[in-house]
Protein backbone atom coordinates (compact mmCIF):
# COMPACT_ATOMS: atom_id res chain seq x y z
CA UNK A 1 36.67 -0.86 0.85
CA UNK A 2 36.53 0.43 3.98
CA UNK A 3 35.23 3.30 2.85
CA UNK A 4 31.80 1.66 1.91
CA UNK A 5 31.91 0.88 5.60
CA UNK A 6 32.88 4.16 7.09
CA UNK A 7 28.96 5.55 6.88
CA UNK A 8 28.03 2.52 9.05
CA UNK A 9 30.64 3.54 11.73
CA UNK A 10 29.66 7.26 11.70
CA UNK A 11 26.17 6.85 12.00
CA UNK A 12 26.84 4.30 14.84
CA UNK A 13 29.28 7.38 16.51
CA UNK A 14 26.06 9.52 16.13
CA UNK A 15 23.76 7.05 17.25
CA UNK A 16 25.55 6.45 20.57
CA UNK A 17 26.06 10.18 20.90
CA UNK A 18 22.19 11.78 20.58
CA UNK A 19 21.81 8.92 23.23
CA UNK A 20 23.97 9.86 25.79
CA UNK A 21 22.87 13.46 25.19
CA UNK A 22 19.58 13.30 25.38
CA UNK A 23 19.93 10.75 28.66
CA UNK A 24 21.96 13.58 30.44
CA UNK A 25 19.61 16.23 29.39
CA UNK A 26 16.77 13.90 31.12
CA UNK A 27 15.27 14.33 26.91
CA UNK A 28 14.90 10.76 26.40
CA UNK A 29 11.44 11.00 25.31
CA UNK A 30 12.55 12.17 22.11
CA UNK A 31 14.16 8.46 21.78
CA UNK A 32 10.65 7.60 21.28
CA UNK A 33 9.65 9.49 18.03
CA UNK A 34 13.45 8.70 16.88
CA UNK A 35 12.91 5.15 17.24
CA UNK A 36 9.58 5.27 15.64
CA UNK A 37 11.42 7.07 12.84
CA UNK A 38 13.80 4.08 12.57
CA UNK A 39 10.91 1.71 12.00
CA UNK A 40 9.73 3.60 9.33
CA UNK A 41 13.23 4.31 7.79
CA UNK A 42 13.45 0.44 7.28
CA UNK A 43 10.33 0.48 4.76
CA UNK A 44 12.28 3.20 2.57
CA UNK A 45 15.44 1.64 2.22
CA UNK A 46 13.95 -1.48 0.57
CA UNK A 47 11.59 1.16 -1.33
CA UNK A 48 15.53 3.10 -2.52
CA UNK A 49 16.10 -0.15 -3.98
CA UNK A 50 13.29 -0.84 -5.59
CA UNK A 51 13.16 2.31 -6.87
CA UNK A 52 16.77 4.05 -7.54
CA UNK A 53 18.17 0.49 -8.17
CA UNK A 54 15.77 -1.95 -9.96
CA UNK A 55 13.51 1.45 -11.63
CA UNK A 56 10.27 -0.10 -10.10
CA UNK A 57 8.06 2.49 -8.64
CA UNK A 58 5.51 1.33 -5.76
CA UNK A 59 3.18 3.06 -4.30
CA UNK A 60 1.74 0.04 -1.93
CA UNK A 61 4.23 -0.39 0.24
CA UNK A 62 2.31 1.28 2.92
CA UNK A 63 0.21 -2.27 2.59
CA UNK A 64 3.20 -4.50 3.24
CA UNK A 65 4.00 -2.41 6.40
CA UNK A 66 0.62 -2.97 7.45
CA UNK A 67 0.70 -7.18 6.47
CA UNK A 68 3.79 -7.48 8.64
CA UNK A 69 2.41 -5.78 11.67
CA UNK A 70 -1.27 -7.02 11.61
CA UNK A 71 -0.13 -10.99 11.13
CA UNK A 72 2.26 -10.26 14.01
CA UNK A 73 -0.39 -8.79 16.02
CA UNK A 74 -3.05 -11.04 15.30
CA UNK A 75 -1.19 -14.17 16.33
CA UNK A 76 0.82 -12.62 19.50
CA UNK A 77 -2.97 -11.60 20.98
CA UNK A 78 -5.10 -14.69 20.10
CA UNK A 79 -6.24 -16.29 22.75
CA UNK A 80 -5.26 -20.15 22.51
CA UNK A 81 -5.80 -20.75 26.32
CA UNK A 82 -9.28 -22.78 25.75
CA UNK A 83 -7.41 -24.94 23.32
CA UNK A 84 -4.04 -25.53 25.16
CA UNK A 85 -5.20 -28.88 25.95
CA UNK A 86 -5.30 -29.81 22.38
CA UNK A 87 -3.07 -31.94 20.57
CA UNK A 88 -1.84 -29.35 18.32
CA UNK A 89 -1.02 -26.97 20.85
CA UNK A 90 0.30 -29.71 23.49
CA UNK A 91 2.94 -30.16 20.23
CA UNK A 92 3.62 -26.27 19.60
CA UNK A 93 4.77 -25.65 23.50
CA UNK A 94 8.00 -27.67 23.64
CA UNK A 95 9.16 -25.87 20.43
CA UNK A 96 8.64 -22.40 22.17
CA UNK A 97 6.35 -21.10 19.93
CA UNK A 98 3.97 -20.34 22.69
CA UNK A 99 3.75 -17.68 25.36
CA UNK A 100 2.07 -17.21 28.15
CA UNK A 101 0.87 -13.69 29.36
CA UNK A 102 -1.55 -11.51 31.04
CA UNK A 103 -3.68 -8.83 29.50
CA UNK A 104 -4.60 -5.70 30.45
CA UNK A 105 -7.46 -6.67 32.55
CA UNK A 106 -4.88 -9.48 34.00
CA UNK A 107 -7.29 -12.25 32.04
CA UNK A 108 -4.54 -15.56 31.59
CA UNK A 109 -3.56 -15.89 27.58
CA UNK A 110 -1.58 -18.02 25.93
CA UNK A 111 -0.58 -16.85 22.46
CA UNK A 112 1.91 -17.55 20.07
CA UNK A 113 5.79 -15.95 20.67
CA UNK A 114 6.98 -12.77 18.99
CA UNK A 115 9.06 -14.71 17.02
CA UNK A 116 6.80 -16.95 15.83
CA UNK A 117 4.18 -14.18 15.17
CA UNK A 118 7.24 -12.23 13.44
CA UNK A 119 8.26 -15.55 10.98
CA UNK A 120 4.41 -16.24 9.76
CA UNK A 121 4.39 -12.07 9.34
CA UNK A 122 7.81 -12.31 6.99
CA UNK A 123 6.67 -15.65 5.16
CA UNK A 124 3.19 -14.35 4.64
CA UNK A 125 4.42 -11.16 3.21
CA UNK A 126 6.99 -12.60 0.86
CA UNK A 127 3.96 -14.93 -0.62
CA UNK A 128 1.97 -12.03 -0.90
CA UNK A 129 4.94 -9.87 -2.78
CA UNK A 130 5.55 -13.06 -4.99
CA UNK A 131 1.74 -13.25 -6.00
CA UNK A 132 1.53 -9.77 -6.78
CA UNK A 133 4.79 -9.29 -8.20
CA UNK A 134 4.60 -12.35 -10.59
CA UNK A 135 1.89 -10.18 -13.05
CA UNK A 136 2.63 -6.81 -11.72
CA UNK A 137 6.06 -6.81 -12.28
CA UNK A 138 6.42 -7.03 -16.03
CA UNK A 139 4.63 -3.42 -16.43
CA UNK A 140 6.14 -0.55 -16.42
CA UNK A 141 6.28 3.05 -15.60
CA UNK A 142 2.58 4.73 -14.32
CA UNK A 143 1.09 1.30 -15.20
CA UNK A 144 3.37 -0.30 -12.03
CA UNK A 145 2.55 2.20 -10.09
CA UNK A 146 -0.92 2.01 -10.60
CA UNK A 147 -1.32 -1.38 -10.20
CA UNK A 148 0.75 -1.08 -6.70
CA UNK A 149 -1.62 1.40 -5.59
CA UNK A 150 -4.66 -1.06 -6.16
CA UNK A 151 -3.01 -3.56 -3.91
CA UNK A 152 -2.65 -0.82 -0.76
CA UNK A 153 -5.63 -0.05 -1.21
CA UNK A 154 -7.12 -3.71 -1.31
CA UNK A 155 -4.93 -4.02 2.00
CA UNK A 156 -6.32 -1.14 3.50
CA UNK A 157 -9.75 -2.01 2.87
CA UNK A 158 -9.60 -5.58 4.39
CA UNK A 159 -8.09 -4.07 7.28
CA UNK A 160 -10.51 -1.71 8.05
CA UNK A 161 -13.17 -4.16 7.24
CA UNK A 162 -12.66 -7.61 8.81
CA UNK A 163 -13.39 -8.06 12.21
CA UNK A 164 -10.08 -10.67 12.47
CA UNK A 165 -7.82 -6.80 12.29
CA UNK A 166 -10.23 -4.61 14.60
CA UNK A 167 -11.61 -2.60 11.80
CA UNK A 168 -11.52 0.70 12.44
CA UNK A 169 -10.01 0.51 15.62
CA UNK A 170 -7.21 -1.82 14.70
CA UNK A 171 -5.45 -4.29 17.06
CA UNK A 172 -4.24 -2.96 20.59
CA UNK A 173 -2.86 -4.79 23.63
CA UNK A 174 0.06 -6.17 21.26
CA UNK A 175 2.64 -7.44 23.90
CA UNK A 176 6.89 -6.05 23.23
CA UNK A 177 8.71 -8.43 20.84
CA UNK A 178 10.70 -10.57 23.31
CA UNK A 179 14.46 -11.34 21.06
CA UNK A 180 15.71 -13.49 24.21
CA UNK A 181 18.49 -12.51 26.75
CA UNK A 182 16.08 -10.07 28.21
CA UNK A 183 15.96 -7.67 25.79
CA UNK A 184 12.62 -6.59 23.82
CA UNK A 185 11.00 -3.69 21.90
CA UNK A 186 8.71 -2.10 24.29
CA UNK A 187 7.22 1.45 23.95
CA UNK A 188 7.53 1.93 27.67
CA UNK A 189 9.51 4.48 29.17
CA UNK A 190 11.86 1.83 30.75
CA UNK A 191 12.40 0.62 27.89
CA UNK A 192 13.26 3.47 25.69
CA UNK A 193 16.97 2.97 25.40
CA UNK A 194 17.05 -0.47 24.96
CA UNK A 195 14.41 -0.33 22.10
CA UNK A 196 15.93 2.66 20.52
CA UNK A 197 19.30 0.69 20.01
CA UNK A 198 17.57 -2.71 18.93
CA UNK A 199 15.93 -0.44 16.26
CA UNK A 200 18.79 1.02 15.16
CA UNK A 201 21.14 -2.18 14.92
CA UNK A 202 18.26 -3.50 12.86
CA UNK A 203 18.29 -0.23 10.46
CA UNK A 204 22.31 -0.68 10.09
CA UNK A 205 22.24 -4.11 9.54
CA UNK A 206 19.72 -3.71 6.57
CA UNK A 207 21.84 -0.79 5.38
CA UNK A 208 25.39 -3.00 5.86
CA UNK A 209 23.06 -5.77 3.72
CA UNK A 210 21.58 -3.25 1.03
CA UNK A 211 25.08 -1.98 0.45
CA UNK A 212 26.63 -5.56 0.14
CA UNK A 213 24.03 -6.02 -2.45
CA UNK A 214 24.42 -2.46 -4.21
CA UNK A 215 28.21 -3.37 -5.11
CA UNK A 216 27.77 -6.94 -5.87
CA UNK A 217 27.08 -8.44 -9.27
CA UNK A 218 23.44 -8.39 -8.34
CA UNK A 219 23.43 -4.47 -7.51
CA UNK A 220 25.27 -4.10 -11.20
CA UNK A 221 22.54 -5.71 -12.74
CA UNK A 222 20.17 -3.98 -11.14
CA UNK A 223 21.66 -0.85 -12.25
CA UNK A 224 21.91 -2.07 -15.64
CA UNK A 225 18.27 -2.35 -15.62
CA UNK A 226 17.31 0.92 -14.41
CA UNK A 227 19.63 2.60 -17.31
CA UNK A 228 17.90 0.57 -20.00
CA UNK A 229 16.03 -2.50 -19.65
CA UNK A 230 16.39 -3.54 -23.20
CA UNK A 231 20.02 -3.69 -23.40
CA UNK A 232 20.53 -5.53 -20.06
CA UNK A 233 17.71 -7.97 -21.29
CA UNK A 234 20.03 -8.49 -24.77
CA UNK A 235 23.01 -8.95 -22.57
CA UNK A 236 22.08 -11.99 -20.78
CA UNK A 237 20.51 -10.23 -17.49
CA UNK A 238 17.47 -11.95 -16.43
CA UNK A 239 15.67 -8.81 -16.21
CA UNK A 240 12.04 -9.99 -14.73
CA UNK A 241 13.57 -12.38 -12.25
CA UNK A 242 16.23 -9.69 -10.79
CA UNK A 243 13.35 -7.29 -10.49
CA UNK A 244 10.81 -9.87 -8.67
CA UNK A 245 13.60 -10.67 -6.28
CA UNK A 246 14.21 -6.82 -5.33
CA UNK A 247 10.37 -6.22 -5.28
CA UNK A 248 10.01 -9.20 -2.87
CA UNK A 249 13.03 -8.37 -0.58
CA UNK A 250 12.29 -4.68 -0.31
CA UNK A 251 8.03 -6.09 0.85
CA UNK A 252 10.11 -8.03 3.40
CA UNK A 253 12.34 -5.24 4.88
CA UNK A 254 8.98 -3.03 5.24
CA UNK A 255 6.84 -5.78 7.15
CA UNK A 256 10.04 -6.08 9.51
CA UNK A 257 9.49 -2.41 10.25
CA UNK A 258 5.81 -2.78 10.50
CA UNK A 259 6.17 -5.90 13.02
CA UNK A 260 8.55 -4.01 15.08
CA UNK A 261 6.63 -0.49 15.08
CA UNK A 262 3.33 -3.03 16.20
CA UNK A 263 5.15 -4.47 19.23
CA UNK A 264 6.91 -1.29 20.24
CA UNK A 265 3.90 0.96 20.29
CA UNK A 266 1.66 -1.92 21.60
CA UNK A 267 -0.82 -1.55 18.62
CA UNK A 268 -1.53 -1.09 15.04
CA UNK A 269 -4.09 0.68 13.33
CA UNK A 270 -5.65 0.60 9.39
CA UNK A 271 -3.69 4.36 9.34
CA UNK A 272 -0.44 2.44 8.71
CA UNK A 273 -1.94 1.18 5.23
CA UNK A 274 -3.43 4.44 3.98
CA UNK A 275 -2.46 5.49 0.12
CA UNK A 276 -1.09 8.50 1.95
CA UNK A 277 2.03 6.60 4.02
CA UNK A 278 2.95 4.84 0.59
CA UNK A 279 3.00 8.70 -1.06
CA UNK A 280 5.02 9.75 2.11
CA UNK A 281 7.35 6.57 1.30
CA UNK A 282 7.77 7.51 -2.05
CA UNK A 283 8.71 11.46 -1.54
CA UNK A 284 11.12 10.33 1.24
CA UNK A 285 12.87 8.04 -1.48
CA UNK A 286 12.28 11.47 -4.11
CA UNK A 287 14.02 13.53 -1.20
CA UNK A 288 17.04 11.49 -0.58
CA UNK A 289 17.96 10.56 -3.88
CA UNK A 290 16.56 7.61 -6.04
CA UNK A 291 19.90 5.59 -5.72
CA UNK A 292 21.44 7.14 -2.50
CA UNK A 293 20.85 4.72 0.31
CA UNK A 294 22.46 6.79 2.83
CA UNK A 295 20.38 10.05 1.83
CA UNK A 296 17.19 8.10 1.81
CA UNK A 297 17.94 6.45 5.25
CA UNK A 298 18.75 9.97 6.59
CA UNK A 299 15.54 11.75 4.95
CA UNK A 300 13.65 9.04 6.64
CA UNK A 301 14.67 9.66 10.23
CA UNK A 302 14.33 13.30 10.05
CA UNK A 303 10.87 13.85 8.34
CA UNK A 304 9.45 11.33 9.96
CA UNK A 305 10.63 12.64 13.41
CA UNK A 306 9.46 16.30 12.42
CA UNK A 307 6.00 14.78 11.47
CA UNK A 308 5.83 12.48 14.76
CA UNK A 309 6.78 15.53 16.63
CA UNK A 310 3.68 17.39 15.43
CA UNK A 311 5.83 20.16 13.80
CA UNK A 312 3.40 20.10 10.64
CA UNK A 313 0.34 20.09 12.77
CA UNK A 314 -2.80 19.18 10.58
CA UNK A 315 -1.23 19.92 7.21
CA UNK A 316 1.37 16.83 7.68
CA UNK A 317 0.23 15.10 4.64
CA UNK A 318 0.02 18.47 2.71
CA UNK A 319 3.34 19.19 3.47
CA UNK A 320 4.77 16.18 2.08
CA UNK A 321 2.83 17.04 -0.93
CA UNK A 322 4.51 19.91 -1.11
CA UNK A 323 7.95 18.55 -0.61
CA UNK A 324 7.61 15.94 -3.43
CA UNK A 325 6.67 19.00 -5.93
CA UNK A 326 9.50 21.26 -5.05
CA UNK A 327 11.89 18.07 -5.18
CA UNK A 328 10.63 16.81 -8.50
CA UNK A 329 10.98 20.71 -9.73
CA UNK A 330 14.58 21.67 -8.58
CA UNK A 331 16.31 18.77 -7.14
CA UNK A 332 15.71 15.42 -8.79
CA UNK A 333 18.56 13.61 -8.02
CA UNK A 334 17.67 14.31 -4.53
CA UNK A 335 18.08 17.09 -1.55
CA UNK A 336 21.62 15.73 -0.76
CA UNK A 337 22.52 15.69 -4.43
CA UNK A 338 21.88 19.30 -4.83
CA UNK A 339 24.61 20.72 -7.11
CA UNK A 340 26.42 22.54 -4.03
CA UNK A 341 26.50 19.73 -1.89
CA UNK A 342 27.18 17.61 -4.73
CA UNK A 343 30.40 19.37 -5.10
CA UNK A 344 31.46 19.22 -1.49
CA UNK A 345 30.93 15.91 -1.96
CA UNK A 346 33.46 15.64 -4.69
CA UNK A 347 36.03 17.59 -3.06
CA UNK A 348 36.09 15.61 -0.09
CA UNK A 349 36.48 12.59 -2.14
CA UNK A 350 39.18 13.79 -3.95
CA UNK A 351 41.02 14.68 -0.80
CA UNK A 352 40.42 11.25 0.47
CA UNK A 353 42.09 9.75 -2.59
CA UNK A 354 45.13 11.99 -2.15
């Protein structure tokens, strides 16, 4: 039982050690890309559950990431000051759902609080995921992938065409996410360390929840669906309900990543909803291993960090495409499950049992 939680403790130790080293060497600017990579990793954790355990392919998770970020951005930047004396605004104020602030020009603004924006974004994401999943989740294989791809394209066209979402310019001047107790997700240099730890706490919380899920009765049902859906159904497993629930859950995790990323950057643009973003998430899941949560998380951090640092340059998308082809040809079970690494893992496991 304790071995199940060892990776969380190991990653937590690495996170603290990394922060101490970067602070000691005055290289805390690396934390910006690491923090952003953590937000993107939240998407692939949910996608790993969907693809690796429920056996459902999705090319639309960038859409859920964008829905979370855009909805929260709209609600947290909308100016309600002209209506602050209305009955509705007066009723919302005592509930703590409104947040007074100043924009970059010093204009007094009254918008929804970050928590209210987050809650609305997650509820809307869940509803959209249910509406999309009800008909789509019945499809299989490339039919499901094409259907989710269509959903992603719809989201992209909406955000790039609607004035509410800033069209091609996106939404900027999004305030930081205030968590209370003086903590906030903020991309400014003074908040690098604070935001770095908040991001990791949220991600490790997701990993703990996902690990518990995988080793529960639900996880066993998902694995049986992945291995043989017809056989699982004949044994009484409600395959449709489990697949739909996993689809919605993975969409919510993606939306959380989008919300935090938007408040961290102070903006969001239509590039977050492109098809290539969804393809990248699938590539990361393939590299980490379809049913390897920790492998997917690690690869999500590493590949996104390299991309954000500009290591791949203008060939960024091409590199991810090449990685996918190579993985499919030579390591279909994931980079971390290649025979040499798998043998090392087997030996280590045997030693811990002795």
